[in-house]
ModelCIF file with pLDDT and N, C-alpha, C, O atoms, coordinates in Angstrom:
data_MODEL
#
_entry.id   MODEL 
#
_entity.id                         1 
_entity.type                       polymer 
_entity.pdbx_number_of_molecules   1 
#
_entity_poly.entity_id                      1 
_entity_poly.type                           'polypeptide(L)' 
_entity_poly.nstd_linkage                   no 
_entity_poly.nstd_monomer                   no 
_entity_poly.pdbx_seq_one_letter_code       
;(UNK)(UNK)(UNK)(UNK)(UNK)(UNK)(UNK)(UNK)(UNK)(UNK)(UNK)(UNK)(UNK)(UNK)(UNK)(UNK)
(UNK)(UNK)(UNK)(UNK)(UNK)(UNK)(UNK)(UNK)(UNK)(UNK)(UNK)(UNK)(UNK)(UNK)(UNK)(UNK)
(UNK)(UNK)(UNK)(UNK)
;
_entity_poly.pdbx_seq_one_letter_code_can   XXXXXXXXXXXXXXXXXXXXXXXXXXXXXXXXXXXX 
_entity_poly.pdbx_strand_id                 A 
#
loop_
_entity_poly_seq.entity_id 
_entity_poly_seq.num 
_entity_poly_seq.mon_id 
_entity_poly_seq.hetero 
1 1  UNK n 
1 2  UNK n 
1 3  UNK n 
1 4  UNK n 
1 5  UNK n 
1 6  UNK n 
1 7  UNK n 
1 8  UNK n 
1 9  UNK n 
1 10 UNK n 
1 11 UNK n 
1 12 UNK n 
1 13 UNK n 
1 14 UNK n 
1 15 UNK n 
1 16 UNK n 
1 17 UNK n 
1 18 UNK n 
1 19 UNK n 
1 20 UNK n 
1 21 UNK n 
1 22 UNK n 
1 23 UNK n 
1 24 UNK n 
1 25 UNK n 
1 26 UNK n 
1 27 UNK n 
1 28 UNK n 
1 29 UNK n 
1 30 UNK n 
1 31 UNK n 
1 32 UNK n 
1 33 UNK n 
1 34 UNK n 
1 35 UNK n 
1 36 UNK n 
#
_struct_asym.id          A 
_struct_asym.entity_id   1 
#
loop_
_ma_qa_metric.id 
_ma_qa_metric.mode 
_ma_qa_metric.name 
_ma_qa_metric.software_group_id 
_ma_qa_metric.type 
1 global pLDDT . pLDDT 
2 local  pLDDT . pLDDT 
#
_ma_qa_metric_global.metric_id      1 
_ma_qa_metric_global.metric_value   79.97 
_ma_qa_metric_global.model_id       1 
_ma_qa_metric_global.ordinal_id     1 
#
loop_
_ma_qa_metric_local.label_asym_id 
_ma_qa_metric_local.label_comp_id 
_ma_qa_metric_local.label_seq_id 
_ma_qa_metric_local.metric_id 
_ma_qa_metric_local.metric_value 
_ma_qa_metric_local.model_id 
_ma_qa_metric_local.ordinal_id 
A UNK 1  2 87.00 1 1  
A UNK 2  2 87.00 1 2  
A UNK 3  2 85.00 1 3  
A UNK 4  2 85.00 1 4  
A UNK 5  2 86.00 1 5  
A UNK 6  2 84.00 1 6  
A UNK 7  2 82.00 1 7  
A UNK 8  2 84.00 1 8  
A UNK 9  2 84.00 1 9  
A UNK 10 2 81.00 1 10 
A UNK 11 2 81.00 1 11 
A UNK 12 2 83.00 1 12 
A UNK 13 2 83.00 1 13 
A UNK 14 2 79.00 1 14 
A UNK 15 2 81.00 1 15 
A UNK 16 2 85.00 1 16 
A UNK 17 2 85.00 1 17 
A UNK 18 2 81.00 1 18 
A UNK 19 2 83.00 1 19 
A UNK 20 2 87.00 1 20 
A UNK 21 2 84.00 1 21 
A UNK 22 2 80.00 1 22 
A UNK 23 2 86.00 1 23 
A UNK 24 2 87.00 1 24 
A UNK 25 2 81.00 1 25 
A UNK 26 2 78.00 1 26 
A UNK 27 2 82.00 1 27 
A UNK 28 2 79.00 1 28 
A UNK 29 2 72.00 1 29 
A UNK 30 2 70.00 1 30 
A UNK 31 2 73.00 1 31 
A UNK 32 2 70.00 1 32 
A UNK 33 2 64.00 1 33 
A UNK 34 2 63.00 1 34 
A UNK 35 2 70.00 1 35 
A UNK 36 2 67.00 1 36 
#
loop_
_atom_site.group_PDB 
_atom_site.id 
_atom_site.type_symbol 
_atom_site.label_atom_id 
_atom_site.label_alt_id 
_atom_site.label_comp_id 
_atom_site.label_asym_id 
_atom_site.label_entity_id 
_atom_site.label_seq_id 
_atom_site.pdbx_PDB_ins_code 
_atom_site.Cartn_x 
_atom_site.Cartn_y 
_atom_site.Cartn_z 
_atom_site.occupancy 
_atom_site.B_iso_or_equiv 
_atom_site.pdbx_formal_charge 
_atom_site.auth_seq_id 
_atom_site.auth_comp_id 
_atom_site.auth_asym_id 
_atom_site.auth_atom_id 
_atom_site.pdbx_PDB_model_num 
ATOM 1   N N  . UNK A 1 1  ? -8.474  32.425 7.559  1.00 87.00 ? 1  UNK A N  1 
ATOM 2   C CA . UNK A 1 1  ? -8.892  32.068 8.910  1.00 87.00 ? 1  UNK A CA 1 
ATOM 3   C C  . UNK A 1 1  ? -9.837  30.859 8.965  1.00 87.00 ? 1  UNK A C  1 
ATOM 4   O O  . UNK A 1 1  ? -9.614  29.982 9.799  1.00 87.00 ? 1  UNK A O  1 
ATOM 5   N N  . UNK A 1 2  ? -10.870 30.761 8.133  1.00 87.00 ? 2  UNK A N  1 
ATOM 6   C CA . UNK A 1 2  ? -11.768 29.593 8.230  1.00 87.00 ? 2  UNK A CA 1 
ATOM 7   C C  . UNK A 1 2  ? -11.051 28.249 8.057  1.00 87.00 ? 2  UNK A C  1 
ATOM 8   O O  . UNK A 1 2  ? -11.228 27.367 8.898  1.00 87.00 ? 2  UNK A O  1 
ATOM 9   N N  . UNK A 1 3  ? -10.231 28.052 6.978  1.00 85.00 ? 3  UNK A N  1 
ATOM 10  C CA . UNK A 1 3  ? -9.542  26.757 6.862  1.00 85.00 ? 3  UNK A CA 1 
ATOM 11  C C  . UNK A 1 3  ? -8.507  26.536 7.963  1.00 85.00 ? 3  UNK A C  1 
ATOM 12  O O  . UNK A 1 3  ? -8.295  25.402 8.394  1.00 85.00 ? 3  UNK A O  1 
ATOM 13  N N  . UNK A 1 4  ? -7.857  27.618 8.423  1.00 85.00 ? 4  UNK A N  1 
ATOM 14  C CA . UNK A 1 4  ? -6.861  27.482 9.494  1.00 85.00 ? 4  UNK A CA 1 
ATOM 15  C C  . UNK A 1 4  ? -7.533  27.062 10.788 1.00 85.00 ? 4  UNK A C  1 
ATOM 16  O O  . UNK A 1 4  ? -7.034  26.179 11.486 1.00 85.00 ? 4  UNK A O  1 
ATOM 17  N N  . UNK A 1 5  ? -8.647  27.676 11.114 1.00 86.00 ? 5  UNK A N  1 
ATOM 18  C CA . UNK A 1 5  ? -9.385  27.332 12.329 1.00 86.00 ? 5  UNK A CA 1 
ATOM 19  C C  . UNK A 1 5  ? -9.875  25.886 12.275 1.00 86.00 ? 5  UNK A C  1 
ATOM 20  O O  . UNK A 1 5  ? -9.785  25.161 13.266 1.00 86.00 ? 5  UNK A O  1 
ATOM 21  N N  . UNK A 1 6  ? -10.391 25.470 11.123 1.00 84.00 ? 6  UNK A N  1 
ATOM 22  C CA . UNK A 1 6  ? -10.874 24.099 10.986 1.00 84.00 ? 6  UNK A CA 1 
ATOM 23  C C  . UNK A 1 6  ? -9.749  23.086 11.173 1.00 84.00 ? 6  UNK A C  1 
ATOM 24  O O  . UNK A 1 6  ? -9.920  22.069 11.846 1.00 84.00 ? 6  UNK A O  1 
ATOM 25  N N  . UNK A 1 7  ? -8.593  23.376 10.570 1.00 82.00 ? 7  UNK A N  1 
ATOM 26  C CA . UNK A 1 7  ? -7.470  22.456 10.692 1.00 82.00 ? 7  UNK A CA 1 
ATOM 27  C C  . UNK A 1 7  ? -6.967  22.409 12.130 1.00 82.00 ? 7  UNK A C  1 
ATOM 28  O O  . UNK A 1 7  ? -6.624  21.338 12.631 1.00 82.00 ? 7  UNK A O  1 
ATOM 29  N N  . UNK A 1 8  ? -6.921  23.548 12.792 1.00 84.00 ? 8  UNK A N  1 
ATOM 30  C CA . UNK A 1 8  ? -6.486  23.622 14.193 1.00 84.00 ? 8  UNK A CA 1 
ATOM 31  C C  . UNK A 1 8  ? -7.333  22.693 15.062 1.00 84.00 ? 8  UNK A C  1 
ATOM 32  O O  . UNK A 1 8  ? -6.799  21.893 15.830 1.00 84.00 ? 8  UNK A O  1 
ATOM 33  N N  . UNK A 1 9  ? -8.637  22.803 14.936 1.00 84.00 ? 9  UNK A N  1 
ATOM 34  C CA . UNK A 1 9  ? -9.548  21.995 15.748 1.00 84.00 ? 9  UNK A CA 1 
ATOM 35  C C  . UNK A 1 9  ? -9.530  20.527 15.313 1.00 84.00 ? 9  UNK A C  1 
ATOM 36  O O  . UNK A 1 9  ? -9.602  19.622 16.144 1.00 84.00 ? 9  UNK A O  1 
ATOM 37  N N  . UNK A 1 10 ? -9.431  20.303 13.992 1.00 81.00 ? 10 UNK A N  1 
ATOM 38  C CA . UNK A 1 10 ? -9.428  18.929 13.486 1.00 81.00 ? 10 UNK A CA 1 
ATOM 39  C C  . UNK A 1 10 ? -8.215  18.156 13.985 1.00 81.00 ? 10 UNK A C  1 
ATOM 40  O O  . UNK A 1 10 ? -8.328  16.983 14.340 1.00 81.00 ? 10 UNK A O  1 
ATOM 41  N N  . UNK A 1 11 ? -7.057  18.807 14.013 1.00 81.00 ? 11 UNK A N  1 
ATOM 42  C CA . UNK A 1 11 ? -5.837  18.133 14.452 1.00 81.00 ? 11 UNK A CA 1 
ATOM 43  C C  . UNK A 1 11 ? -5.921  17.722 15.922 1.00 81.00 ? 11 UNK A C  1 
ATOM 44  O O  . UNK A 1 11 ? -5.489  16.633 16.297 1.00 81.00 ? 11 UNK A O  1 
ATOM 45  N N  . UNK A 1 12 ? -6.477  18.598 16.739 1.00 83.00 ? 12 UNK A N  1 
ATOM 46  C CA . UNK A 1 12 ? -6.654  18.243 18.153 1.00 83.00 ? 12 UNK A CA 1 
ATOM 47  C C  . UNK A 1 12 ? -7.614  17.065 18.279 1.00 83.00 ? 12 UNK A C  1 
ATOM 48  O O  . UNK A 1 12 ? -7.374  16.139 19.054 1.00 83.00 ? 12 UNK A O  1 
ATOM 49  N N  . UNK A 1 13 ? -8.700  17.104 17.512 1.00 83.00 ? 13 UNK A N  1 
ATOM 50  C CA . UNK A 1 13 ? -9.705  16.045 17.560 1.00 83.00 ? 13 UNK A CA 1 
ATOM 51  C C  . UNK A 1 13 ? -9.118  14.700 17.114 1.00 83.00 ? 13 UNK A C  1 
ATOM 52  O O  . UNK A 1 13 ? -9.364  13.669 17.740 1.00 83.00 ? 13 UNK A O  1 
ATOM 53  N N  . UNK A 1 14 ? -8.343  14.725 16.030 1.00 79.00 ? 14 UNK A N  1 
ATOM 54  C CA . UNK A 1 14 ? -7.756  13.489 15.498 1.00 79.00 ? 14 UNK A CA 1 
ATOM 55  C C  . UNK A 1 14 ? -6.636  12.976 16.401 1.00 79.00 ? 14 UNK A C  1 
ATOM 56  O O  . UNK A 1 14 ? -6.417  11.768 16.486 1.00 79.00 ? 14 UNK A O  1 
ATOM 57  N N  . UNK A 1 15 ? -5.930  13.874 17.072 1.00 81.00 ? 15 UNK A N  1 
ATOM 58  C CA . UNK A 1 15 ? -4.799  13.474 17.913 1.00 81.00 ? 15 UNK A CA 1 
ATOM 59  C C  . UNK A 1 15 ? -5.231  12.722 19.169 1.00 81.00 ? 15 UNK A C  1 
ATOM 60  O O  . UNK A 1 15 ? -4.466  11.920 19.704 1.00 81.00 ? 15 UNK A O  1 
ATOM 61  N N  . UNK A 1 16 ? -6.452  12.974 19.644 1.00 85.00 ? 16 UNK A N  1 
ATOM 62  C CA . UNK A 1 16 ? -6.912  12.357 20.896 1.00 85.00 ? 16 UNK A CA 1 
ATOM 63  C C  . UNK A 1 16 ? -6.929  10.829 20.818 1.00 85.00 ? 16 UNK A C  1 
ATOM 64  O O  . UNK A 1 16 ? -6.364  10.185 21.702 1.00 85.00 ? 16 UNK A O  1 
ATOM 65  N N  . UNK A 1 17 ? -7.557  10.211 19.791 1.00 85.00 ? 17 UNK A N  1 
ATOM 66  C CA . UNK A 1 17 ? -7.532  8.737  19.746 1.00 85.00 ? 17 UNK A CA 1 
ATOM 67  C C  . UNK A 1 17 ? -6.129  8.163  19.562 1.00 85.00 ? 17 UNK A C  1 
ATOM 68  O O  . UNK A 1 17 ? -5.832  7.083  20.074 1.00 85.00 ? 17 UNK A O  1 
ATOM 69  N N  . UNK A 1 18 ? -5.255  8.880  18.829 1.00 81.00 ? 18 UNK A N  1 
ATOM 70  C CA . UNK A 1 18 ? -3.879  8.405  18.651 1.00 81.00 ? 18 UNK A CA 1 
ATOM 71  C C  . UNK A 1 18 ? -3.168  8.363  20.004 1.00 81.00 ? 18 UNK A C  1 
ATOM 72  O O  . UNK A 1 18 ? -2.469  7.401  20.322 1.00 81.00 ? 18 UNK A O  1 
ATOM 73  N N  . UNK A 1 19 ? -3.361  9.430  20.802 1.00 83.00 ? 19 UNK A N  1 
ATOM 74  C CA . UNK A 1 19 ? -2.742  9.490  22.125 1.00 83.00 ? 19 UNK A CA 1 
ATOM 75  C C  . UNK A 1 19 ? -3.290  8.403  23.040 1.00 83.00 ? 19 UNK A C  1 
ATOM 76  O O  . UNK A 1 19 ? -2.541  7.815  23.819 1.00 83.00 ? 19 UNK A O  1 
ATOM 77  N N  . UNK A 1 20 ? -4.598  8.129  22.952 1.00 87.00 ? 20 UNK A N  1 
ATOM 78  C CA . UNK A 1 20 ? -5.213  7.096  23.790 1.00 87.00 ? 20 UNK A CA 1 
ATOM 79  C C  . UNK A 1 20 ? -4.685  5.706  23.440 1.00 87.00 ? 20 UNK A C  1 
ATOM 80  O O  . UNK A 1 20 ? -4.403  4.896  24.324 1.00 87.00 ? 20 UNK A O  1 
ATOM 81  N N  . UNK A 1 21 ? -4.557  5.444  22.153 1.00 84.00 ? 21 UNK A N  1 
ATOM 82  C CA . UNK A 1 21 ? -4.037  4.137  21.711 1.00 84.00 ? 21 UNK A CA 1 
ATOM 83  C C  . UNK A 1 21 ? -2.628  3.930  22.252 1.00 84.00 ? 21 UNK A C  1 
ATOM 84  O O  . UNK A 1 21 ? -2.297  2.854  22.750 1.00 84.00 ? 21 UNK A O  1 
ATOM 85  N N  . UNK A 1 22 ? -1.802  4.968  22.151 1.00 80.00 ? 22 UNK A N  1 
ATOM 86  C CA . UNK A 1 22 ? -0.437  4.826  22.644 1.00 80.00 ? 22 UNK A CA 1 
ATOM 87  C C  . UNK A 1 22 ? -0.406  4.702  24.157 1.00 80.00 ? 22 UNK A C  1 
ATOM 88  O O  . UNK A 1 22 ? 0.399   3.941  24.693 1.00 80.00 ? 22 UNK A O  1 
ATOM 89  N N  . UNK A 1 23 ? -1.273  5.439  24.866 1.00 86.00 ? 23 UNK A N  1 
ATOM 90  C CA . UNK A 1 23 ? -1.316  5.403  26.329 1.00 86.00 ? 23 UNK A CA 1 
ATOM 91  C C  . UNK A 1 23 ? -1.505  3.967  26.831 1.00 86.00 ? 23 UNK A C  1 
ATOM 92  O O  . UNK A 1 23 ? -0.842  3.536  27.774 1.00 86.00 ? 23 UNK A O  1 
ATOM 93  N N  . UNK A 1 24 ? -2.418  3.237  26.187 1.00 87.00 ? 24 UNK A N  1 
ATOM 94  C CA . UNK A 1 24 ? -2.723  1.883  26.657 1.00 87.00 ? 24 UNK A CA 1 
ATOM 95  C C  . UNK A 1 24 ? -1.761  0.821  26.107 1.00 87.00 ? 24 UNK A C  1 
ATOM 96  O O  . UNK A 1 24 ? -1.620  -0.253 26.691 1.00 87.00 ? 24 UNK A O  1 
ATOM 97  N N  . UNK A 1 25 ? -1.103  1.125  24.982 1.00 81.00 ? 25 UNK A N  1 
ATOM 98  C CA . UNK A 1 25 ? -0.189  0.140  24.391 1.00 81.00 ? 25 UNK A CA 1 
ATOM 99  C C  . UNK A 1 25 ? 1.255   0.315  24.856 1.00 81.00 ? 25 UNK A C  1 
ATOM 100 O O  . UNK A 1 25 ? 2.073   -0.587 24.680 1.00 81.00 ? 25 UNK A O  1 
ATOM 101 N N  . UNK A 1 26 ? 1.578   1.477  25.452 1.00 78.00 ? 26 UNK A N  1 
ATOM 102 C CA . UNK A 1 26 ? 2.957   1.768  25.866 1.00 78.00 ? 26 UNK A CA 1 
ATOM 103 C C  . UNK A 1 26 ? 3.566   0.703  26.785 1.00 78.00 ? 26 UNK A C  1 
ATOM 104 O O  . UNK A 1 26 ? 4.717   0.326  26.567 1.00 78.00 ? 26 UNK A O  1 
ATOM 105 N N  . UNK A 1 27 ? 2.853   0.198  27.804 1.00 82.00 ? 27 UNK A N  1 
ATOM 106 C CA . UNK A 1 27 ? 3.455   -0.824 28.685 1.00 82.00 ? 27 UNK A CA 1 
ATOM 107 C C  . UNK A 1 27 ? 3.906   -2.072 27.924 1.00 82.00 ? 27 UNK A C  1 
ATOM 108 O O  . UNK A 1 27 ? 4.947   -2.653 28.232 1.00 82.00 ? 27 UNK A O  1 
ATOM 109 N N  . UNK A 1 28 ? 3.123   -2.472 26.942 1.00 79.00 ? 28 UNK A N  1 
ATOM 110 C CA . UNK A 1 28 ? 3.467   -3.671 26.173 1.00 79.00 ? 28 UNK A CA 1 
ATOM 111 C C  . UNK A 1 28 ? 4.639   -3.415 25.234 1.00 79.00 ? 28 UNK A C  1 
ATOM 112 O O  . UNK A 1 28 ? 5.470   -4.296 25.017 1.00 79.00 ? 28 UNK A O  1 
ATOM 113 N N  . UNK A 1 29 ? 4.703   -2.213 24.681 1.00 72.00 ? 29 UNK A N  1 
ATOM 114 C CA . UNK A 1 29 ? 5.828   -1.856 23.811 1.00 72.00 ? 29 UNK A CA 1 
ATOM 115 C C  . UNK A 1 29 ? 7.142   -1.898 24.584 1.00 72.00 ? 29 UNK A C  1 
ATOM 116 O O  . UNK A 1 29 ? 8.147   -2.420 24.101 1.00 72.00 ? 29 UNK A O  1 
ATOM 117 N N  . UNK A 1 30 ? 7.118   -1.344 25.785 1.00 70.00 ? 30 UNK A N  1 
ATOM 118 C CA . UNK A 1 30 ? 8.328   -1.340 26.612 1.00 70.00 ? 30 UNK A CA 1 
ATOM 119 C C  . UNK A 1 30 ? 8.691   -2.746 27.067 1.00 70.00 ? 30 UNK A C  1 
ATOM 120 O O  . UNK A 1 30 ? 9.862   -3.124 27.054 1.00 70.00 ? 30 UNK A O  1 
ATOM 121 N N  . UNK A 1 31 ? 7.707   -3.505 27.460 1.00 73.00 ? 31 UNK A N  1 
ATOM 122 C CA . UNK A 1 31 ? 7.964   -4.840 28.004 1.00 73.00 ? 31 UNK A CA 1 
ATOM 123 C C  . UNK A 1 31 ? 8.599   -5.760 26.974 1.00 73.00 ? 31 UNK A C  1 
ATOM 124 O O  . UNK A 1 31 ? 9.531   -6.500 27.288 1.00 73.00 ? 31 UNK A O  1 
ATOM 125 N N  . UNK A 1 32 ? 8.098   -5.716 25.748 1.00 70.00 ? 32 UNK A N  1 
ATOM 126 C CA . UNK A 1 32 ? 8.545   -6.678 24.739 1.00 70.00 ? 32 UNK A CA 1 
ATOM 127 C C  . UNK A 1 32 ? 9.649   -6.148 23.822 1.00 70.00 ? 32 UNK A C  1 
ATOM 128 O O  . UNK A 1 32 ? 10.414  -6.930 23.257 1.00 70.00 ? 32 UNK A O  1 
ATOM 129 N N  . UNK A 1 33 ? 9.736   -4.821 23.671 1.00 64.00 ? 33 UNK A N  1 
ATOM 130 C CA . UNK A 1 33 ? 10.735  -4.272 22.751 1.00 64.00 ? 33 UNK A CA 1 
ATOM 131 C C  . UNK A 1 33 ? 11.889  -3.578 23.471 1.00 64.00 ? 33 UNK A C  1 
ATOM 132 O O  . UNK A 1 33 ? 13.040  -3.712 23.057 1.00 64.00 ? 33 UNK A O  1 
ATOM 133 N N  . UNK A 1 34 ? 11.598  -2.844 24.534 1.00 63.00 ? 34 UNK A N  1 
ATOM 134 C CA . UNK A 1 34 ? 12.631  -2.071 25.220 1.00 63.00 ? 34 UNK A CA 1 
ATOM 135 C C  . UNK A 1 34 ? 12.535  -2.271 26.731 1.00 63.00 ? 34 UNK A C  1 
ATOM 136 O O  . UNK A 1 34 ? 12.249  -1.317 27.455 1.00 63.00 ? 34 UNK A O  1 
ATOM 137 N N  . UNK A 1 35 ? 12.766  -3.479 27.217 1.00 70.00 ? 35 UNK A N  1 
ATOM 138 C CA . UNK A 1 35 ? 12.594  -3.761 28.655 1.00 70.00 ? 35 UNK A CA 1 
ATOM 139 C C  . UNK A 1 35 ? 13.542  -2.963 29.553 1.00 70.00 ? 35 UNK A C  1 
ATOM 140 O O  . UNK A 1 35 ? 13.264  -2.792 30.740 1.00 70.00 ? 35 UNK A O  1 
ATOM 141 N N  . UNK A 1 36 ? 14.653  -2.476 29.005 1.00 67.00 ? 36 UNK A N  1 
ATOM 142 C CA . UNK A 1 36 ? 15.600  -1.709 29.813 1.00 67.00 ? 36 UNK A CA 1 
ATOM 143 C C  . UNK A 1 36 ? 15.091  -0.300 30.131 1.00 67.00 ? 36 UNK A C  1 
ATOM 144 O O  . UNK A 1 36 ? 15.779  0.468  30.804 1.00 67.00 ? 36 UNK A O  1 
#
């Protein structure tokens, strides 16, 4: 339980900045790579 709980919380914590980076970069990815 201790390592499982730590990993559960750590993954959520680490995922937040990844999601934020994609949120702000998505318009540019679509515009230049997949305009359709």
